[in-house]
Amino acid sequence: MRAMAALALAGVFAAWPARAVGNPPVGDQRWGDEGPTLGLTLLGGLAVPLCRDQQGCSGSLAAGPSLEGVILYAPDDAWSFGLVAEVRRGHWHDTYQGMVEGGKTYAVDSDLTSGFAGVAARYVALPALRVAPVIQVAIGSGFQMQTGNNFHCTNGVMPTGQIAVGGRARASKLISIFALASASSGFKMSDCGVSDGPAATPFAGWGLGLQAGAAVDVPL
């Protein structure tokens, strides 16, 4: 009996170091504090632009793909801070009546590449869990490029804010999977409208988004 107890105790002490320094064993849902890391997150998905609070906001903005990159320094497992950039692709269509030829109706179309760049902060609640809730907040300046030569007021600084919520799943000590739903908005420092001809092209970088992707964290 004593021999069996001693053998069991020796087995526990033999397994303890591997559990302390390695990955959690299968079935264990908790992860230890890995210390400071530098992480790169790439997210792709669908962006739904919403045209709000813009003068002459007419026509239709189509949903399109989006791509977001985030570089964050994490002093611990819960908080991280760094830089973010998002690019969205969409299409704008509108019609207008000309002042000649009996008020004939014309169409105007433009492919829009919009987005924003700025700083971001991410908070992971319950970071020791393999699957944990996430909230990410970013502020920066919007930008937009468009095809065609239609009149627009999308130059200069366009203060933009974004909030995203979702979840993080740890695939390993270095790799995580993210899924986030986001909403962004802002305002243009200058706005414009058109009284004759096609309306000014709206800014398509604000709206809703649904993205998923992966992050790689490098220990520092």
Protein backbone atom coordinates (compact mmCIF):
# COMPACT_ATOMS: atom_id res chain seq x y z
CA MET A 1 0.00 0.00 0.00
CA ARG A 2 2.82 2.40 0.91
CA ALA A 3 4.62 1.52 -2.32
CA MET A 4 1.52 2.37 -4.38
CA ALA A 5 1.08 5.73 -2.60
CA ALA A 6 4.74 6.63 -3.12
CA LEU A 7 4.48 5.71 -6.80
CA ALA A 8 1.39 7.90 -7.25
CA LEU A 9 3.03 10.85 -5.48
CA ALA A 10 6.11 10.53 -7.65
CA GLY A 11 3.92 10.54 -10.76
CA VAL A 12 2.25 13.81 -9.68
CA PHE A 13 5.57 15.58 -9.12
CA ALA A 14 6.93 14.24 -12.41
CA ALA A 15 3.96 15.61 -14.39
CA TRP A 16 3.80 19.01 -12.64
CA PRO A 17 6.70 20.81 -14.44
CA ALA A 18 5.38 19.87 -17.89
CA ARG A 19 1.95 21.23 -16.99
CA ALA A 20 3.39 24.47 -15.58
CA VAL A 21 5.59 25.43 -18.53
CA GLY A 22 3.81 23.86 -21.52
CA ASN A 23 0.46 24.21 -23.20
CA PRO A 24 -2.62 23.27 -21.19
CA PRO A 25 -3.44 19.56 -21.59
CA VAL A 26 -6.42 18.51 -23.68
CA GLY A 27 -9.63 19.40 -21.88
CA ASP A 28 -8.08 22.16 -19.78
CA GLN A 29 -9.79 25.49 -20.67
CA ARG A 30 -7.39 27.84 -18.89
CA TRP A 31 -4.21 29.52 -20.07
CA GLY A 32 -1.54 31.13 -17.92
CA ASP A 33 -0.21 34.70 -18.17
CA GLU A 34 2.26 34.68 -21.06
CA GLY A 35 3.75 38.10 -20.27
CA PRO A 36 4.17 41.03 -22.72
CA THR A 37 3.59 40.26 -26.40
CA LEU A 38 3.49 42.04 -29.75
CA GLY A 39 0.60 40.84 -31.88
CA LEU A 40 -0.50 41.16 -35.50
CA THR A 41 -4.19 40.62 -36.26
CA LEU A 42 -5.62 40.30 -39.79
CA LEU A 43 -9.40 40.36 -40.23
CA GLY A 44 -11.52 40.04 -43.34
CA GLY A 45 -15.24 40.15 -43.86
CA LEU A 46 -18.26 42.13 -44.99
CA ALA A 47 -18.79 45.89 -44.62
CA VAL A 48 -22.22 47.54 -44.84
CA PRO A 49 -21.82 51.33 -45.37
CA LEU A 50 -24.37 53.66 -43.82
CA CYS A 51 -24.72 57.16 -45.21
CA ARG A 52 -25.62 59.38 -42.25
CA ASP A 53 -25.21 63.03 -41.34
CA GLN A 54 -23.81 63.93 -44.76
CA GLN A 55 -25.24 66.75 -46.83
CA GLY A 56 -26.81 65.53 -50.06
CA CYS A 57 -26.56 61.89 -48.95
CA SER A 58 -28.47 60.27 -51.80
CA GLY A 59 -28.27 57.19 -53.94
CA SER A 60 -27.41 53.70 -52.76
CA LEU A 61 -24.24 52.32 -51.20
CA ALA A 62 -23.66 48.60 -51.74
CA ALA A 63 -22.08 46.31 -49.17
CA GLY A 64 -18.63 44.99 -49.99
CA PRO A 65 -15.54 43.25 -48.64
CA SER A 66 -13.35 44.70 -45.91
CA LEU A 67 -9.84 44.05 -44.64
CA GLU A 68 -8.42 45.20 -41.31
CA GLY A 69 -4.95 44.98 -39.83
CA VAL A 70 -4.10 45.63 -36.17
CA ILE A 71 -0.68 45.77 -34.50
CA LEU A 72 -0.96 45.73 -30.71
CA TYR A 73 1.41 45.69 -27.76
CA ALA A 74 -0.04 43.69 -24.88
CA PRO A 75 1.54 44.25 -21.44
CA ASP A 76 -0.65 41.45 -20.09
CA ASP A 77 -3.28 38.97 -21.27
CA ALA A 78 -6.20 41.39 -20.87
CA TRP A 79 -5.16 44.75 -22.35
CA SER A 80 -3.40 45.68 -25.60
CA PHE A 81 -2.76 48.98 -27.40
CA GLY A 82 -1.48 49.92 -30.86
CA LEU A 83 -2.34 50.84 -34.44
CA VAL A 84 -5.22 49.88 -36.71
CA ALA A 85 -6.08 50.34 -40.39
CA GLU A 86 -9.19 49.21 -42.25
CA VAL A 87 -9.99 49.27 -45.97
CA ARG A 88 -13.48 48.77 -47.44
CA ARG A 89 -14.55 48.29 -51.01
CA GLY A 90 -18.01 49.29 -52.20
CA HIS A 91 -20.10 50.76 -54.99
CA TRP A 92 -22.24 53.90 -55.12
CA HIS A 93 -25.12 54.44 -57.58
CA ASP A 94 -27.38 57.43 -58.01
CA THR A 95 -29.64 59.03 -60.61
CA TYR A 96 -30.36 62.69 -61.36
CA GLN A 97 -32.37 64.78 -63.78
CA GLY A 98 -30.52 67.01 -66.18
CA MET A 99 -31.59 70.60 -66.72
CA VAL A 100 -31.56 70.17 -70.51
CA GLU A 101 -33.12 67.70 -72.93
CA GLY A 102 -36.48 67.84 -71.18
CA GLY A 103 -35.24 66.77 -67.76
CA LYS A 104 -33.76 63.47 -68.92
CA THR A 105 -32.68 61.09 -66.13
CA TYR A 106 -29.02 60.15 -65.92
CA ALA A 107 -27.15 57.62 -63.81
CA VAL A 108 -23.87 58.01 -62.00
CA ASP A 109 -21.77 55.13 -60.62
CA SER A 110 -18.52 55.00 -58.73
CA ASP A 111 -16.39 52.29 -57.10
CA LEU A 112 -15.27 53.44 -53.66
CA THR A 113 -12.22 52.40 -51.66
CA SER A 114 -12.66 53.81 -48.17
CA GLY A 115 -11.60 53.17 -44.60
CA PHE A 116 -9.70 54.69 -41.72
CA ALA A 117 -6.40 54.51 -39.87
CA GLY A 118 -5.68 55.34 -36.24
CA VAL A 119 -4.98 53.96 -32.79
CA ALA A 120 -6.76 51.08 -31.05
CA ALA A 121 -7.21 49.46 -27.65
CA ARG A 122 -8.42 45.91 -27.07
CA TYR A 123 -9.71 44.33 -23.88
CA VAL A 124 -10.10 40.57 -23.46
CA ALA A 125 -12.39 39.65 -20.58
CA LEU A 126 -11.54 36.41 -18.78
CA PRO A 127 -8.30 35.98 -20.77
CA ALA A 128 -7.42 32.69 -19.04
CA LEU A 129 -10.27 30.95 -20.87
CA ARG A 130 -9.64 29.29 -24.20
CA VAL A 131 -12.66 31.17 -25.63
CA ALA A 132 -13.09 34.71 -24.23
CA PRO A 133 -15.18 37.81 -25.04
CA VAL A 134 -13.41 40.78 -26.66
CA ILE A 135 -14.09 44.50 -27.04
CA GLN A 136 -11.99 46.73 -29.30
CA VAL A 137 -12.17 50.52 -29.63
CA ALA A 138 -10.39 52.60 -32.28
CA ILE A 139 -10.21 56.27 -33.25
CA GLY A 140 -8.55 57.82 -36.28
CA SER A 141 -9.17 59.58 -39.59
CA GLY A 142 -11.16 58.30 -42.54
CA PHE A 143 -10.08 58.33 -46.19
CA GLN A 144 -11.69 57.53 -49.53
CA MET A 145 -10.70 57.09 -53.18
CA GLN A 146 -13.24 56.83 -56.00
CA THR A 147 -13.45 56.06 -59.67
CA GLY A 148 -14.72 58.69 -62.08
CA ASN A 149 -14.63 62.44 -61.65
CA ASN A 150 -17.87 63.05 -59.76
CA PHE A 151 -17.85 65.95 -57.31
CA HIS A 152 -17.07 64.96 -53.69
CA CYS A 153 -15.98 66.33 -50.32
CA THR A 154 -13.96 63.41 -48.95
CA ASN A 155 -10.57 65.11 -48.74
CA GLY A 156 -8.81 66.15 -45.55
CA VAL A 157 -9.36 64.92 -42.01
CA MET A 158 -12.51 62.91 -41.27
CA PRO A 159 -12.51 61.97 -37.57
CA THR A 160 -13.68 58.36 -37.26
CA GLY A 161 -14.46 56.08 -34.34
CA GLN A 162 -15.11 52.35 -34.29
CA ILE A 163 -16.24 49.87 -31.64
CA ALA A 164 -16.14 46.11 -32.15
CA VAL A 165 -17.29 43.24 -29.94
CA GLY A 166 -16.89 39.52 -30.37
CA GLY A 167 -14.78 36.62 -29.21
CA ARG A 168 -11.26 35.20 -29.20
CA ALA A 169 -10.42 31.51 -29.35
CA ARG A 170 -6.90 30.41 -28.45
CA ALA A 171 -5.60 27.86 -30.95
CA SER A 172 -2.15 27.77 -29.31
CA LYS A 173 0.14 29.93 -27.18
CA LEU A 174 0.97 32.06 -30.24
CA ILE A 175 -2.12 31.89 -32.48
CA SER A 176 -5.67 33.08 -31.78
CA ILE A 177 -8.85 33.17 -33.85
CA PHE A 178 -11.07 36.29 -33.73
CA ALA A 179 -14.66 37.01 -34.80
CA LEU A 180 -15.89 40.61 -34.40
CA ALA A 181 -18.97 42.67 -35.21
CA SER A 182 -18.26 46.39 -35.55
CA ALA A 183 -19.92 49.77 -35.93
CA SER A 184 -18.16 52.96 -37.03
CA SER A 185 -19.13 56.58 -37.48
CA GLY A 186 -17.65 60.07 -37.61
CA PHE A 187 -17.97 63.44 -39.27
CA LYS A 188 -16.42 65.39 -42.12
CA MET A 189 -14.66 68.65 -41.39
CA SER A 190 -16.18 70.08 -44.59
CA ASP A 191 -19.33 69.03 -46.41
CA CYS A 192 -20.92 69.94 -49.71
CA GLY A 193 -24.04 69.61 -51.79
CA VAL A 194 -24.88 70.01 -55.46
CA SER A 195 -27.90 71.90 -56.78
CA ASP A 196 -27.52 70.96 -60.44
CA GLY A 197 -26.22 67.63 -61.67
CA PRO A 198 -25.37 64.44 -59.78
CA ALA A 199 -25.18 64.58 -56.00
CA ALA A 200 -21.81 64.69 -54.29
CA THR A 201 -20.32 61.24 -53.74
CA PRO A 202 -20.91 60.26 -50.07
CA PHE A 203 -18.27 58.86 -47.73
CA ALA A 204 -18.68 55.07 -47.44
CA GLY A 205 -16.19 54.36 -44.65
CA TRP A 206 -18.76 54.43 -41.82
CA GLY A 207 -21.26 51.71 -41.08
CA LEU A 208 -21.45 48.13 -39.85
CA GLY A 209 -19.08 45.24 -40.30
CA LEU A 210 -18.65 41.55 -39.60
CA GLN A 211 -15.11 40.17 -39.68
CA ALA A 212 -13.13 37.09 -38.75
CA GLY A 213 -9.44 36.33 -38.81
CA ALA A 214 -6.36 35.29 -36.89
CA ALA A 215 -3.73 36.87 -34.66
CA VAL A 216 -0.10 35.92 -34.09
CA ASP A 217 1.41 37.00 -30.75
CA VAL A 218 5.18 37.15 -30.36
CA PRO A 219 6.50 37.08 -26.75
CA LEU A 220 8.77 39.99 -25.84
